[in-house]
């Protein structure tokens, strides 16, 4: 998929519209195999998400959490933000407005 890039002590994954759960999990596995301490996921291109996409976000969180890596989702569009609120995932997932804030949150 090749959507990830490394900056300071974090990996950034730029999710494209229509991303697949498998593709995201492949990128997360690459991150977990690296020495980076945090993962920032850029969701600016995601204007719509369905249940499988929400599941992929939760799986990403769980994978990172169980491996001691912090994950922050940023650039969340209004529709996706509403879904996160409706499903209460906004209380589970760490979010940020932009890349700079996400990287600061990771530390």
Protein backbone atom coordinates (compact mmCIF):
# COMPACT_ATOMS: atom_id res chain seq x y z
CA UNK A 1 0.00 0.00 0.00
CA UNK A 2 2.90 2.37 0.78
CA UNK A 3 0.87 4.99 2.58
CA UNK A 4 3.16 5.47 5.53
CA UNK A 5 5.97 7.88 6.19
CA UNK A 6 8.18 8.41 9.20
CA UNK A 7 8.74 11.69 11.03
CA UNK A 8 10.60 12.22 14.30
CA UNK A 9 9.42 9.38 16.55
CA UNK A 10 6.20 8.52 14.76
CA UNK A 11 4.85 6.82 11.69
CA UNK A 12 2.14 8.66 9.76
CA UNK A 13 -0.36 6.73 7.67
CA UNK A 14 -2.22 8.83 5.10
CA UNK A 15 -5.49 6.94 4.58
CA UNK A 16 -6.99 7.27 1.11
CA UNK A 17 -10.73 7.40 0.46
CA UNK A 18 -11.99 3.84 0.16
CA UNK A 19 -9.20 2.30 2.24
CA UNK A 20 -9.56 -1.37 3.09
CA UNK A 21 -9.25 -2.89 6.54
CA UNK A 22 -6.58 -5.31 5.34
CA UNK A 23 -4.48 -2.54 3.82
CA UNK A 24 -4.65 -0.52 7.04
CA UNK A 25 -3.71 -3.54 9.14
CA UNK A 26 -0.71 -4.20 6.85
CA UNK A 27 0.53 -0.66 7.44
CA UNK A 28 -0.05 -0.97 11.19
CA UNK A 29 1.98 -4.21 11.27
CA UNK A 30 4.85 -2.43 9.51
CA UNK A 31 4.69 0.34 12.10
CA UNK A 32 4.68 -2.11 15.01
CA UNK A 33 7.76 -3.83 13.57
CA UNK A 34 9.59 -0.48 13.48
CA UNK A 35 11.18 1.36 16.38
CA UNK A 36 8.76 4.28 16.18
CA UNK A 37 6.90 4.93 19.42
CA UNK A 38 3.75 6.43 17.96
CA UNK A 39 1.36 6.21 15.05
CA UNK A 40 -0.60 9.12 13.57
CA UNK A 41 -3.36 8.32 11.12
CA UNK A 42 -4.34 11.06 8.68
CA UNK A 43 -8.05 10.76 7.92
CA UNK A 44 -8.52 13.99 5.95
CA UNK A 45 -9.45 12.08 2.76
CA UNK A 46 -12.11 10.01 4.56
CA UNK A 47 -15.50 11.70 4.21
CA UNK A 48 -17.53 8.49 4.64
CA UNK A 49 -16.95 5.38 6.71
CA UNK A 50 -19.04 2.28 7.32
CA UNK A 51 -19.01 -0.33 10.07
CA UNK A 52 -16.06 -2.26 8.66
CA UNK A 53 -14.03 0.96 8.56
CA UNK A 54 -14.92 1.73 12.17
CA UNK A 55 -13.89 -1.81 13.04
CA UNK A 56 -10.54 -1.24 11.33
CA UNK A 57 -9.97 1.88 13.46
CA UNK A 58 -10.77 -0.05 16.64
CA UNK A 59 -8.47 -2.91 15.59
CA UNK A 60 -5.72 -0.39 14.92
CA UNK A 61 -6.17 1.07 18.39
CA UNK A 62 -6.16 -2.38 20.02
CA UNK A 63 -3.07 -3.55 18.10
CA UNK A 64 -1.10 -0.46 19.00
CA UNK A 65 -2.26 -0.40 22.61
CA UNK A 66 -1.30 -4.04 23.19
CA UNK A 67 2.15 -3.35 21.73
CA UNK A 68 2.82 -0.20 23.75
CA UNK A 69 2.46 2.17 20.81
CA UNK A 70 0.30 5.29 20.96
CA UNK A 71 -2.08 5.97 18.07
CA UNK A 72 -3.72 9.30 17.24
CA UNK A 73 -6.29 9.84 14.49
CA UNK A 74 -6.38 13.31 12.94
CA UNK A 75 -8.02 15.31 10.15
CA UNK A 76 -11.39 13.73 10.91
CA UNK A 77 -14.17 14.99 8.65
CA UNK A 78 -17.58 16.04 10.11
CA UNK A 79 -19.54 12.92 9.08
CA UNK A 80 -16.90 10.59 10.49
CA UNK A 81 -16.69 12.68 13.65
CA UNK A 82 -20.46 12.34 14.11
CA UNK A 83 -20.20 8.56 13.77
CA UNK A 84 -17.41 8.44 16.34
CA UNK A 85 -19.64 10.42 18.72
CA UNK A 86 -22.73 8.26 18.07
CA UNK A 87 -20.78 5.06 18.67
CA UNK A 88 -18.94 6.59 21.65
CA UNK A 89 -15.63 5.75 19.99
CA UNK A 90 -14.61 9.37 20.54
CA UNK A 91 -14.12 8.34 24.19
CA UNK A 92 -11.83 5.45 23.21
CA UNK A 93 -9.80 6.75 20.27
CA UNK A 94 -7.37 9.63 20.68
CA UNK A 95 -8.02 12.34 18.08
CA UNK A 96 -6.36 15.57 17.01
CA UNK A 97 -7.24 18.39 14.65
CA UNK A 98 -4.08 18.21 12.52
CA UNK A 99 -0.71 16.52 12.09
CA UNK A 100 1.18 18.91 14.35
CA UNK A 101 -1.28 18.36 17.20
CA UNK A 102 -1.21 14.59 16.62
CA UNK A 103 2.59 14.49 16.82
CA UNK A 104 2.55 16.63 19.97
CA UNK A 105 0.05 14.24 21.54
CA UNK A 106 2.31 11.30 20.75
CA UNK A 107 5.21 13.17 22.34
